[in-house]
Protein backbone atom coordinates (compact mmCIF):
# COMPACT_ATOMS: atom_id res chain seq x y z
CA MET A 1 -22.43 7.72 5.74
CA THR A 2 -21.39 6.34 2.35
CA VAL A 3 -23.53 3.43 1.16
CA PRO A 4 -21.18 0.55 0.30
CA LEU A 5 -21.51 -1.60 -2.81
CA VAL A 6 -20.70 -5.30 -2.89
CA ALA A 7 -20.59 -6.65 -6.45
CA GLY A 8 -20.02 -10.30 -7.28
CA ASN A 9 -18.13 -10.96 -10.50
CA TRP A 10 -18.93 -14.53 -11.53
CA LYS A 11 -16.48 -14.41 -14.45
CA MET A 12 -16.80 -17.36 -16.88
CA ASN A 13 -18.44 -19.67 -14.36
CA THR A 14 -21.79 -21.49 -14.03
CA THR A 15 -24.22 -22.73 -16.63
CA VAL A 16 -27.47 -20.78 -16.95
CA ALA A 17 -29.25 -23.31 -14.73
CA GLU A 18 -26.46 -23.13 -12.14
CA GLY A 19 -26.56 -19.34 -12.32
CA ILE A 20 -30.28 -19.26 -11.66
CA ALA A 21 -29.82 -21.52 -8.64
CA LEU A 22 -26.93 -19.38 -7.33
CA ALA A 23 -28.91 -16.16 -7.80
CA ARG A 24 -31.86 -17.70 -5.96
CA SER A 25 -29.64 -18.67 -3.04
CA VAL A 26 -28.05 -15.21 -2.92
CA ARG A 27 -31.47 -13.59 -2.98
CA GLU A 28 -32.69 -15.76 -0.10
CA LEU A 29 -29.57 -15.30 2.03
CA VAL A 30 -29.00 -11.59 1.41
CA GLY A 31 -32.64 -10.60 1.78
CA SER A 32 -33.11 -6.84 1.98
CA PRO A 33 -29.80 -5.55 3.37
CA ARG A 34 -29.84 -2.22 5.15
CA ASP A 35 -27.53 0.55 3.94
CA VAL A 36 -25.67 -1.53 1.36
CA GLU A 37 -26.06 -2.05 -2.39
CA VAL A 38 -25.61 -5.55 -3.77
CA ALA A 39 -25.05 -6.60 -7.38
CA VAL A 40 -24.15 -9.78 -9.24
CA LEU A 41 -22.34 -9.83 -12.59
CA PRO A 42 -22.97 -13.16 -14.36
CA PRO A 43 -21.95 -14.16 -17.89
CA PHE A 44 -23.87 -12.43 -20.69
CA THR A 45 -25.85 -15.61 -21.41
CA HIS A 46 -27.46 -15.48 -17.97
CA LEU A 47 -28.72 -11.90 -17.92
CA TRP A 48 -32.31 -12.30 -19.13
CA ALA A 49 -32.95 -15.33 -16.92
CA LEU A 50 -31.45 -13.63 -13.87
CA ARG A 51 -33.40 -10.45 -14.52
CA ASP A 52 -36.56 -12.49 -13.96
CA GLU A 53 -35.12 -14.46 -11.03
CA LEU A 54 -34.04 -11.30 -9.18
CA ALA A 55 -37.08 -9.16 -10.04
CA GLY A 56 -38.48 -7.49 -6.94
CA SER A 57 -35.39 -8.25 -4.87
CA ALA A 58 -32.66 -5.97 -3.54
CA ILE A 59 -30.07 -7.69 -5.75
CA GLN A 60 -29.01 -5.60 -8.74
CA LEU A 61 -27.74 -7.07 -12.00
CA GLY A 62 -24.68 -6.15 -14.02
CA ALA A 63 -22.64 -7.21 -17.06
CA GLN A 64 -18.96 -8.12 -16.98
CA ASP A 65 -18.10 -5.99 -20.01
CA VAL A 66 -19.60 -3.73 -22.69
CA PHE A 67 -18.52 -2.48 -26.11
CA TRP A 68 -17.75 1.16 -26.98
CA GLU A 69 -20.21 1.43 -29.92
CA LEU A 70 -23.98 1.11 -29.74
CA ALA A 71 -24.36 -0.87 -32.98
CA GLY A 72 -22.41 -2.00 -36.01
CA ALA A 73 -20.25 -4.72 -37.52
CA TYR A 74 -18.61 -5.83 -34.27
CA THR A 75 -18.99 -9.60 -34.22
CA GLY A 76 -19.15 -11.03 -30.72
CA GLU A 77 -19.44 -7.72 -28.88
CA VAL A 78 -22.39 -6.60 -26.74
CA SER A 79 -23.88 -3.11 -26.88
CA ALA A 80 -24.75 -0.88 -23.95
CA ALA A 81 -28.07 -0.23 -25.69
CA THR A 82 -28.86 -3.93 -25.31
CA LEU A 83 -27.55 -4.23 -21.77
CA VAL A 84 -29.47 -1.26 -20.40
CA GLU A 85 -32.69 -3.14 -21.20
CA VAL A 86 -31.80 -5.95 -18.85
CA CYS A 87 -29.32 -4.75 -16.21
CA GLY A 88 -28.20 -1.64 -14.38
CA TRP A 89 -24.43 -2.05 -14.12
CA ALA A 90 -21.47 -2.75 -16.41
CA LEU A 91 -17.90 -3.58 -15.42
CA VAL A 92 -15.07 -2.19 -17.54
CA GLY A 93 -11.31 -2.51 -17.30
CA HIS A 94 -11.06 -5.70 -15.26
CA SER A 95 -7.43 -6.80 -15.03
CA GLU A 96 -8.16 -10.10 -16.77
CA ARG A 97 -9.37 -8.21 -19.82
CA ARG A 98 -6.44 -5.81 -19.67
CA HIS A 99 -3.75 -8.44 -19.21
CA LEU A 100 -5.16 -11.62 -20.76
CA LEU A 101 -6.99 -10.03 -23.70
CA GLY A 102 -4.80 -6.98 -24.28
CA GLU A 103 -7.45 -4.35 -23.59
CA SER A 104 -5.87 -0.90 -23.57
CA ASP A 105 -6.44 2.00 -21.20
CA GLU A 106 -7.99 3.91 -24.12
CA ALA A 107 -10.44 1.10 -24.85
CA VAL A 108 -11.54 1.12 -21.21
CA GLY A 109 -12.21 4.86 -21.45
CA ARG A 110 -14.31 4.47 -24.60
CA LYS A 111 -16.35 1.73 -22.94
CA PHE A 112 -16.88 3.85 -19.82
CA ALA A 113 -18.04 6.81 -21.91
CA CYS A 114 -20.47 4.77 -24.01
CA ALA A 115 -21.94 2.87 -21.07
CA SER A 116 -22.39 6.06 -19.03
CA ALA A 117 -24.05 7.89 -21.91
CA THR A 118 -26.50 5.02 -22.29
CA GLY A 119 -27.57 5.14 -18.66
CA LEU A 120 -25.67 2.20 -17.25
CA ARG A 121 -23.90 2.60 -13.95
CA VAL A 122 -20.28 1.59 -14.37
CA ILE A 123 -17.64 -0.15 -12.27
CA VAL A 124 -14.25 1.02 -13.57
CA ALA A 125 -11.46 -1.32 -12.49
CA VAL A 126 -7.88 -0.16 -12.07
CA GLY A 127 -4.80 -1.66 -10.49
CA GLU A 128 -1.11 -2.39 -10.71
CA THR A 129 0.89 -5.55 -11.34
CA GLU A 130 3.30 -7.01 -8.81
CA GLU A 131 6.19 -5.59 -10.87
CA ASP A 132 4.61 -2.13 -10.76
CA ARG A 133 4.24 -2.28 -6.98
CA ASP A 134 7.77 -3.54 -6.45
CA ALA A 135 9.01 -0.64 -8.63
CA GLY A 136 7.08 1.91 -6.55
CA ALA A 137 4.85 2.73 -9.51
CA THR A 138 1.44 1.90 -8.01
CA PHE A 139 0.13 5.48 -7.94
CA SER A 140 1.46 6.39 -11.39
CA VAL A 141 -0.11 3.29 -12.96
CA VAL A 142 -3.47 3.90 -11.27
CA ASP A 143 -3.39 7.60 -12.24
CA ARG A 144 -2.66 6.69 -15.88
CA GLN A 145 -5.56 4.25 -15.95
CA LEU A 146 -7.94 6.75 -14.32
CA ASP A 147 -6.95 9.58 -16.66
CA ALA A 148 -7.46 7.37 -19.72
CA ALA A 149 -10.84 6.21 -18.40
CA PHE A 150 -12.11 9.76 -17.96
CA ALA A 151 -10.60 11.26 -21.13
CA PRO A 152 -13.43 10.31 -23.56
CA LEU A 153 -16.32 11.36 -21.29
CA ILE A 154 -18.54 13.92 -22.99
CA ALA A 155 -20.24 15.09 -19.81
CA GLN A 156 -19.36 14.98 -16.12
CA PRO A 157 -20.77 11.70 -14.81
CA ASP A 158 -22.95 11.62 -11.73
CA PRO A 159 -20.83 10.28 -8.82
CA ASP A 160 -23.69 7.86 -8.09
CA GLY A 161 -23.43 6.57 -11.67
CA PHE A 162 -20.05 4.92 -11.34
CA VAL A 163 -17.57 3.49 -8.86
CA ILE A 164 -13.84 2.80 -9.07
CA ALA A 165 -12.68 -0.69 -8.15
CA TYR A 166 -9.07 -0.93 -7.05
CA GLU A 167 -7.89 -4.44 -7.80
CA PRO A 168 -4.14 -5.05 -7.56
CA VAL A 169 -3.38 -7.60 -10.26
CA TRP A 170 -1.17 -9.57 -7.89
CA ALA A 171 -4.17 -10.24 -5.64
CA ILE A 172 -6.69 -11.39 -8.29
CA GLY A 173 -7.50 -15.06 -7.80
CA THR A 174 -4.20 -15.71 -6.03
CA GLY A 175 -5.41 -15.92 -2.46
CA ARG A 176 -3.03 -13.06 -1.70
CA THR A 177 -4.88 -9.97 -0.51
CA ALA A 178 -3.60 -6.43 -0.15
CA THR A 179 -3.41 -5.51 3.51
CA PRO A 180 -6.18 -3.19 4.67
CA GLU A 181 -3.57 -0.43 4.96
CA GLN A 182 -2.36 -0.98 1.36
CA ALA A 183 -5.91 -1.02 0.01
CA GLN A 184 -6.87 2.06 2.04
CA GLU A 185 -3.83 3.98 0.80
CA VAL A 186 -4.68 3.42 -2.86
CA CYS A 187 -8.44 3.95 -2.47
CA ALA A 188 -7.76 7.27 -0.71
CA HIS A 189 -5.36 8.23 -3.50
CA ILE A 190 -7.96 7.39 -6.14
CA LYS A 191 -10.50 9.70 -4.52
CA GLN A 192 -8.00 12.51 -4.16
CA HIS A 193 -6.82 12.14 -7.76
CA LEU A 194 -10.37 12.27 -9.12
CA ARG A 195 -11.26 15.27 -6.96
CA GLU A 196 -8.33 17.09 -8.56
CA ARG A 197 -8.62 15.63 -12.06
CA ALA A 198 -12.38 15.43 -12.57
CA ASN A 199 -13.93 17.36 -9.67
CA THR A 200 -15.70 14.22 -8.50
CA SER A 201 -15.28 11.74 -5.65
CA PRO A 202 -16.96 8.40 -6.34
CA ARG A 203 -17.03 5.38 -4.12
CA ALA A 204 -13.91 3.20 -4.19
CA LEU A 205 -14.18 -0.56 -3.93
CA TYR A 206 -11.44 -3.06 -3.21
CA GLY A 207 -11.14 -6.22 -5.30
CA GLY A 208 -8.64 -9.03 -4.92
CA SER A 209 -9.26 -12.28 -3.04
CA VAL A 210 -11.97 -10.74 -0.84
CA THR A 211 -13.48 -13.37 1.47
CA ALA A 212 -15.80 -13.54 4.44
CA ALA A 213 -12.70 -13.85 6.62
CA ASN A 214 -11.07 -10.58 5.56
CA ALA A 215 -14.05 -8.46 4.48
CA ALA A 216 -14.83 -6.75 7.79
CA GLU A 217 -11.21 -5.67 8.28
CA LEU A 218 -11.12 -4.19 4.75
CA PHE A 219 -14.47 -2.41 5.14
CA ALA A 220 -13.37 -0.83 8.41
CA GLU A 221 -10.98 1.39 6.44
CA ARG A 222 -12.36 4.88 5.82
CA ASP A 223 -11.95 5.03 2.04
CA ILE A 224 -12.94 1.46 1.13
CA ASP A 225 -16.60 1.66 0.17
CA GLY A 226 -17.29 -1.97 -0.65
CA ALA A 227 -15.84 -4.78 -2.72
CA LEU A 228 -15.65 -6.34 -6.15
CA VAL A 229 -15.78 -10.00 -5.19
CA GLY A 230 -14.52 -12.79 -7.44
CA GLY A 231 -14.38 -16.45 -6.40
CA ALA A 232 -16.25 -15.93 -3.13
CA SER A 233 -19.27 -14.61 -5.05
CA LEU A 234 -19.82 -18.14 -6.43
CA ARG A 235 -20.59 -19.36 -2.90
CA ALA A 236 -23.89 -17.86 -1.78
CA GLU A 237 -23.27 -18.21 1.95
CA GLU A 238 -19.83 -16.61 1.77
CA PHE A 239 -21.04 -13.81 -0.50
CA SER A 240 -23.92 -13.04 1.85
CA ALA A 241 -21.45 -12.93 4.76
CA ILE A 242 -19.41 -10.33 2.85
CA VAL A 243 -22.58 -8.30 2.32
CA ARG A 244 -23.32 -8.45 6.06
CA ALA A 245 -19.79 -7.29 6.80
CA ALA A 246 -20.25 -4.32 4.46
CA ALA A 247 -23.56 -3.40 6.07
CA GLY A 248 -22.02 -3.30 9.52
CA GLY A 249 -18.45 -2.31 8.85
CA MET A 250 -18.55 1.15 7.35
CA PRO A 251 -17.11 4.00 9.46
CA GLU A 252 -18.74 7.39 9.85
CA ALA A 253 -17.70 9.90 7.18
């Protein structure tokens, strides 16, 4: 059985004090979940405080982004060499960075390569816009993003060292969720593409308006191995309910 991952992306929300309180609530509600990994991805400013708050718990800690160089004159960027001291995960390629901040497919690949080489586990986000889907280009867009992400890798990454998060842009923060069948179709395609392209088959998460109400139905699909959760991760009770759904909703391989 594949162990699912539920990762909460807090985005640019909460003060440090609010983040500590949220992390404490998540820790208390989630407890020690069986057969599921759980991570929270707060703003950079929260990482050291949350490392201490979550120490000894089952909740892992991640960063929402990382730069592609380890050091240098890169004002405002954060190095993987710094992050690996305080957290275990880094997210790269989130649609908000691609589409709001103009981050290219190539930049995502460089970040993935640097973070992996430093020892961080990486969540690589891919997904199509509504225009892409309406044009029947979902698979070609996802394939392009995957190929660019893997192009700079120096060595074959351990499948346990990264996951792919499929997040259709039209479902991010909109309340509109891909149907379980749509999400399953793309997650299965991602795994097949990477088996052929990179001889690896990592876990595939779904991201895009995941809630406690729809989580179990999504996780019941064979190739959906967890979720990248946005707004619902800011509500400890709802996030813990999504974790419970992941723990009990995974089918036999």
